[in-house]
Amino acid sequence: MSTKNPKSIKSLLLDECSAVAALGEQARTHQTLVQHVRDALPDAYRKHIFAAELSDDILTVICDSATWATNVRFYSEKLLLNVAPDHKSVISRVVVKVRPHRRS
């Protein structure tokens, strides 16, 4: 059994080399991407964006229903133009999906 003192959560979060800090940075990057997607859409659409992911050159947007996903697809070109520069990326296409609903 190890006799080392455990590290505080604060020190783990502040240590740039820790996995916890890397995870926190990924979460911030993800949240920024979601916000940029929301900002590129009309106000009524924004609350229906659940998540977004940028992988290779594909922007995937997750909506809360099929109805809103269909509406967001009409804004694919605007998302291509507005989101890519904010993330210093080239986005070749937008994929819009529906968030699966959890069963109770």
N, C-alpha and C. Protein backbone atom coordinates (compact mmCIF):
# COMPACT_ATOMS: atom_id res chain seq x y z
N MET A 1 0.84 -1.18 0.00
CA MET A 1 0.00 0.00 0.00
C MET A 1 0.88 1.24 0.00
N SER A 2 0.52 2.22 -0.78
CA SER A 2 1.30 3.44 -0.93
C SER A 2 1.12 4.34 0.29
N THR A 3 2.20 5.01 0.66
CA THR A 3 2.13 5.94 1.79
C THR A 3 2.12 7.38 1.30
N LYS A 4 1.99 7.59 0.00
CA LYS A 4 1.94 8.94 -0.56
C LYS A 4 0.68 9.66 -0.10
N ASN A 5 0.82 10.96 0.05
CA ASN A 5 -0.36 11.77 0.36
C ASN A 5 -1.15 11.98 -0.91
N PRO A 6 -2.47 11.89 -0.85
CA PRO A 6 -3.27 12.11 -2.06
C PRO A 6 -3.20 13.58 -2.47
N LYS A 7 -3.31 13.81 -3.77
CA LYS A 7 -3.30 15.18 -4.30
C LYS A 7 -4.69 15.79 -4.15
N SER A 8 -4.71 17.07 -3.95
CA SER A 8 -6.01 17.77 -3.89
C SER A 8 -6.57 17.90 -5.29
N ILE A 9 -7.86 18.04 -5.38
CA ILE A 9 -8.52 18.22 -6.68
C ILE A 9 -8.01 19.49 -7.35
N LYS A 10 -7.82 20.52 -6.56
CA LYS A 10 -7.33 21.79 -7.11
C LYS A 10 -5.97 21.60 -7.78
N SER A 11 -5.07 20.86 -7.13
CA SER A 11 -3.75 20.66 -7.73
C SER A 11 -3.84 19.82 -9.00
N LEU A 12 -4.76 18.87 -9.04
CA LEU A 12 -4.95 18.08 -10.25
C LEU A 12 -5.46 18.92 -11.41
N LEU A 13 -6.36 19.84 -11.09
CA LEU A 13 -6.93 20.70 -12.13
C LEU A 13 -5.92 21.73 -12.63
N LEU A 14 -5.03 22.17 -11.77
CA LEU A 14 -4.06 23.18 -12.15
C LEU A 14 -2.81 22.59 -12.81
N ASP A 15 -2.57 21.31 -12.61
CA ASP A 15 -1.41 20.65 -13.20
C ASP A 15 -1.68 20.41 -14.68
N GLU A 16 -0.98 21.15 -15.55
CA GLU A 16 -1.22 21.08 -16.99
C GLU A 16 -0.92 19.71 -17.58
N CYS A 17 -0.15 18.90 -16.89
CA CYS A 17 0.22 17.58 -17.40
C CYS A 17 -0.75 16.48 -16.97
N SER A 18 -1.67 16.81 -16.09
CA SER A 18 -2.56 15.76 -15.58
C SER A 18 -3.68 15.43 -16.56
N ALA A 19 -4.15 14.21 -16.47
CA ALA A 19 -5.27 13.77 -17.32
C ALA A 19 -6.53 14.55 -16.99
N VAL A 20 -6.69 14.93 -15.73
CA VAL A 20 -7.87 15.69 -15.31
C VAL A 20 -7.86 17.07 -15.99
N ALA A 21 -6.69 17.70 -16.04
CA ALA A 21 -6.59 19.00 -16.71
C ALA A 21 -6.88 18.88 -18.19
N ALA A 22 -6.38 17.81 -18.81
CA ALA A 22 -6.64 17.58 -20.24
C ALA A 22 -8.13 17.38 -20.49
N LEU A 23 -8.77 16.65 -19.60
CA LEU A 23 -10.21 16.42 -19.72
C LEU A 23 -10.98 17.74 -19.58
N GLY A 24 -10.54 18.57 -18.65
CA GLY A 24 -11.16 19.88 -18.48
C GLY A 24 -11.01 20.75 -19.72
N GLU A 25 -9.84 20.69 -20.34
CA GLU A 25 -9.60 21.45 -21.57
C GLU A 25 -10.47 20.95 -22.71
N GLN A 26 -10.64 19.64 -22.81
CA GLN A 26 -11.52 19.07 -23.83
C GLN A 26 -12.95 19.54 -23.62
N ALA A 27 -13.40 19.58 -22.37
CA ALA A 27 -14.76 20.02 -22.06
C ALA A 27 -14.95 21.49 -22.46
N ARG A 28 -13.96 22.32 -22.17
CA ARG A 28 -14.05 23.74 -22.54
C ARG A 28 -14.08 23.91 -24.06
N THR A 29 -13.26 23.15 -24.78
CA THR A 29 -13.24 23.20 -26.23
C THR A 29 -14.59 22.77 -26.81
N HIS A 30 -15.14 21.70 -26.25
CA HIS A 30 -16.45 21.21 -26.69
C HIS A 30 -17.53 22.26 -26.45
N GLN A 31 -17.52 22.86 -25.27
CA GLN A 31 -18.54 23.86 -24.94
C GLN A 31 -18.43 25.08 -25.84
N THR A 32 -17.20 25.47 -26.19
CA THR A 32 -16.99 26.59 -27.11
C THR A 32 -17.55 26.27 -28.49
N LEU A 33 -17.32 25.06 -28.96
CA LEU A 33 -17.85 24.64 -30.26
C LEU A 33 -19.37 24.68 -30.27
N VAL A 34 -19.98 24.14 -29.23
CA VAL A 34 -21.45 24.16 -29.13
C VAL A 34 -21.96 25.60 -29.16
N GLN A 35 -21.27 26.49 -28.44
CA GLN A 35 -21.70 27.89 -28.42
C GLN A 35 -21.56 28.54 -29.79
N HIS A 36 -20.49 28.23 -30.51
CA HIS A 36 -20.32 28.79 -31.86
C HIS A 36 -21.40 28.28 -32.82
N VAL A 37 -21.78 27.01 -32.68
CA VAL A 37 -22.86 26.47 -33.51
C VAL A 37 -24.16 27.20 -33.17
N ARG A 38 -24.45 27.36 -31.90
CA ARG A 38 -25.67 28.06 -31.49
C ARG A 38 -25.69 29.49 -31.99
N ASP A 39 -24.55 30.16 -31.90
CA ASP A 39 -24.46 31.56 -32.33
C ASP A 39 -24.70 31.72 -33.83
N ALA A 40 -24.43 30.68 -34.61
CA ALA A 40 -24.61 30.75 -36.07
C ALA A 40 -26.05 30.50 -36.48
N LEU A 41 -26.88 30.12 -35.54
CA LEU A 41 -28.28 29.78 -35.84
C LEU A 41 -29.23 30.84 -35.31
N PRO A 42 -30.45 30.89 -35.84
CA PRO A 42 -31.45 31.82 -35.31
C PRO A 42 -31.76 31.52 -33.84
N ASP A 43 -32.22 32.53 -33.12
CA ASP A 43 -32.50 32.39 -31.69
C ASP A 43 -33.38 31.19 -31.35
N ALA A 44 -34.42 30.97 -32.11
CA ALA A 44 -35.37 29.89 -31.81
C ALA A 44 -34.73 28.51 -31.88
N TYR A 45 -33.66 28.37 -32.63
CA TYR A 45 -33.01 27.07 -32.82
C TYR A 45 -32.02 26.74 -31.70
N ARG A 46 -31.48 27.76 -31.08
CA ARG A 46 -30.33 27.60 -30.18
C ARG A 46 -30.55 26.63 -29.03
N LYS A 47 -31.70 26.69 -28.40
CA LYS A 47 -31.93 25.82 -27.24
C LYS A 47 -32.12 24.36 -27.63
N HIS A 48 -32.23 24.09 -28.92
CA HIS A 48 -32.44 22.72 -29.39
C HIS A 48 -31.15 22.03 -29.81
N ILE A 49 -30.03 22.75 -29.70
CA ILE A 49 -28.72 22.15 -29.99
C ILE A 49 -28.21 21.51 -28.71
N PHE A 50 -28.03 20.21 -28.74
CA PHE A 50 -27.62 19.47 -27.56
C PHE A 50 -26.10 19.34 -27.48
N ALA A 51 -25.45 19.11 -28.61
CA ALA A 51 -24.01 18.92 -28.64
C ALA A 51 -23.49 19.16 -30.05
N ALA A 52 -22.17 19.25 -30.14
CA ALA A 52 -21.51 19.38 -31.45
C ALA A 52 -20.12 18.78 -31.34
N GLU A 53 -19.65 18.24 -32.45
CA GLU A 53 -18.32 17.64 -32.48
C GLU A 53 -17.67 17.95 -33.81
N LEU A 54 -16.39 18.24 -33.76
CA LEU A 54 -15.62 18.49 -34.96
C LEU A 54 -14.56 17.40 -35.05
N SER A 55 -14.73 16.53 -36.04
CA SER A 55 -13.81 15.41 -36.21
C SER A 55 -13.36 15.38 -37.66
N ASP A 56 -12.04 15.43 -37.84
CA ASP A 56 -11.46 15.56 -39.17
C ASP A 56 -12.04 16.81 -39.80
N ASP A 57 -12.78 16.68 -40.87
CA ASP A 57 -13.36 17.87 -41.51
C ASP A 57 -14.88 17.85 -41.48
N ILE A 58 -15.44 17.11 -40.53
CA ILE A 58 -16.90 16.96 -40.43
C ILE A 58 -17.39 17.57 -39.12
N LEU A 59 -18.34 18.49 -39.22
CA LEU A 59 -19.00 19.04 -38.06
C LEU A 59 -20.28 18.26 -37.84
N THR A 60 -20.39 17.62 -36.69
CA THR A 60 -21.60 16.88 -36.34
C THR A 60 -22.35 17.68 -35.29
N VAL A 61 -23.63 17.94 -35.56
CA VAL A 61 -24.48 18.69 -34.65
C VAL A 61 -25.59 17.76 -34.17
N ILE A 62 -25.79 17.73 -32.85
CA ILE A 62 -26.82 16.87 -32.26
C ILE A 62 -27.96 17.75 -31.77
N CYS A 63 -29.16 17.47 -32.27
CA CYS A 63 -30.36 18.23 -31.90
C CYS A 63 -31.24 17.39 -30.98
N ASP A 64 -32.19 18.05 -30.34
CA ASP A 64 -33.05 17.33 -29.39
C ASP A 64 -34.27 16.67 -30.02
N SER A 65 -34.54 16.93 -31.30
CA SER A 65 -35.66 16.26 -31.95
C SER A 65 -35.45 16.24 -33.46
N ALA A 66 -36.16 15.36 -34.13
CA ALA A 66 -36.05 15.23 -35.59
C ALA A 66 -36.52 16.51 -36.28
N THR A 67 -37.52 17.15 -35.72
CA THR A 67 -38.04 18.38 -36.31
C THR A 67 -36.96 19.46 -36.34
N TRP A 68 -36.28 19.66 -35.23
CA TRP A 68 -35.24 20.67 -35.17
C TRP A 68 -34.02 20.26 -35.98
N ALA A 69 -33.73 18.99 -36.03
CA ALA A 69 -32.60 18.52 -36.85
C ALA A 69 -32.85 18.86 -38.32
N THR A 70 -34.07 18.65 -38.77
CA THR A 70 -34.42 18.99 -40.15
C THR A 70 -34.23 20.48 -40.40
N ASN A 71 -34.68 21.30 -39.46
CA ASN A 71 -34.54 22.75 -39.61
C ASN A 71 -33.07 23.17 -39.63
N VAL A 72 -32.27 22.57 -38.77
CA VAL A 72 -30.85 22.92 -38.70
C VAL A 72 -30.13 22.55 -39.99
N ARG A 73 -30.55 21.47 -40.63
CA ARG A 73 -29.91 21.06 -41.89
C ARG A 73 -29.98 22.17 -42.95
N PHE A 74 -31.02 22.98 -42.90
CA PHE A 74 -31.14 24.09 -43.85
C PHE A 74 -30.08 25.16 -43.62
N TYR A 75 -29.46 25.15 -42.45
CA TYR A 75 -28.43 26.13 -42.11
C TYR A 75 -27.01 25.55 -42.22
N SER A 76 -26.87 24.41 -42.88
CA SER A 76 -25.56 23.76 -43.01
C SER A 76 -24.51 24.68 -43.62
N GLU A 77 -24.89 25.39 -44.67
CA GLU A 77 -23.93 26.28 -45.34
C GLU A 77 -23.47 27.39 -44.40
N LYS A 78 -24.40 27.95 -43.66
CA LYS A 78 -24.05 29.00 -42.71
C LYS A 78 -23.13 28.46 -41.62
N LEU A 79 -23.39 27.24 -41.16
CA LEU A 79 -22.51 26.63 -40.16
C LEU A 79 -21.11 26.40 -40.72
N LEU A 80 -21.04 25.96 -41.98
CA LEU A 80 -19.74 25.77 -42.63
C LEU A 80 -18.94 27.07 -42.64
N LEU A 81 -19.59 28.15 -42.97
CA LEU A 81 -18.91 29.44 -43.11
C LEU A 81 -18.57 30.08 -41.76
N ASN A 82 -19.44 29.91 -40.77
CA ASN A 82 -19.26 30.64 -39.51
C ASN A 82 -18.50 29.88 -38.43
N VAL A 83 -18.58 28.58 -38.41
CA VAL A 83 -17.96 27.82 -37.32
C VAL A 83 -16.50 27.50 -37.63
N ALA A 84 -16.19 27.18 -38.85
CA ALA A 84 -14.81 26.78 -39.22
C ALA A 84 -13.76 27.82 -38.85
N PRO A 85 -13.94 29.10 -39.19
CA PRO A 85 -12.89 30.08 -38.85
C PRO A 85 -12.65 30.20 -37.34
N ASP A 86 -13.69 30.04 -36.54
CA ASP A 86 -13.55 30.14 -35.09
C ASP A 86 -12.69 29.02 -34.52
N HIS A 87 -12.63 27.91 -35.21
CA HIS A 87 -11.88 26.75 -34.72
C HIS A 87 -10.66 26.44 -35.58
N LYS A 88 -10.29 27.40 -36.41
CA LYS A 88 -9.11 27.25 -37.28
C LYS A 88 -9.13 25.91 -38.00
N SER A 89 -10.30 25.58 -38.53
CA SER A 89 -10.49 24.30 -39.20
C SER A 89 -11.12 24.50 -40.57
N VAL A 90 -10.97 23.48 -41.38
CA VAL A 90 -11.68 23.42 -42.64
C VAL A 90 -12.78 22.38 -42.44
N ILE A 91 -14.00 22.80 -42.62
CA ILE A 91 -15.13 21.88 -42.47
C ILE A 91 -15.70 21.64 -43.86
N SER A 92 -15.72 20.39 -44.29
CA SER A 92 -16.20 20.07 -45.62
C SER A 92 -17.69 19.75 -45.64
N ARG A 93 -18.20 19.30 -44.50
CA ARG A 93 -19.64 19.02 -44.46
C ARG A 93 -20.16 19.03 -43.03
N VAL A 94 -21.48 19.20 -42.95
CA VAL A 94 -22.17 19.21 -41.66
C VAL A 94 -23.11 18.02 -41.62
N VAL A 95 -23.05 17.28 -40.54
CA VAL A 95 -23.95 16.15 -40.32
C VAL A 95 -24.81 16.52 -39.12
N VAL A 96 -26.12 16.41 -39.27
CA VAL A 96 -27.04 16.73 -38.18
C VAL A 96 -27.73 15.45 -37.75
N LYS A 97 -27.66 15.18 -36.46
CA LYS A 97 -28.27 13.96 -35.91
C LYS A 97 -29.23 14.32 -34.80
N VAL A 98 -30.03 13.33 -34.43
CA VAL A 98 -30.99 13.51 -33.34
C VAL A 98 -30.47 12.77 -32.11
N ARG A 99 -30.52 13.44 -31.00
CA ARG A 99 -30.10 12.85 -29.72
C ARG A 99 -31.05 11.71 -29.37
N PRO A 100 -30.49 10.55 -29.06
CA PRO A 100 -31.38 9.45 -28.65
C PRO A 100 -32.01 9.77 -27.29
N HIS A 101 -33.26 9.45 -27.15
CA HIS A 101 -33.95 9.69 -25.88
C HIS A 101 -33.74 8.51 -24.95
N ARG A 102 -33.53 8.84 -23.69
CA ARG A 102 -33.38 7.79 -22.69
C ARG A 102 -34.74 7.22 -22.33
N ARG A 103 -34.75 5.95 -22.11
CA ARG A 103 -36.00 5.31 -21.66
C ARG A 103 -35.99 5.23 -20.15
N SER A 104 -37.11 5.57 -19.57
CA SER A 104 -37.19 5.56 -18.10
C SER A 104 -37.45 4.19 -17.56
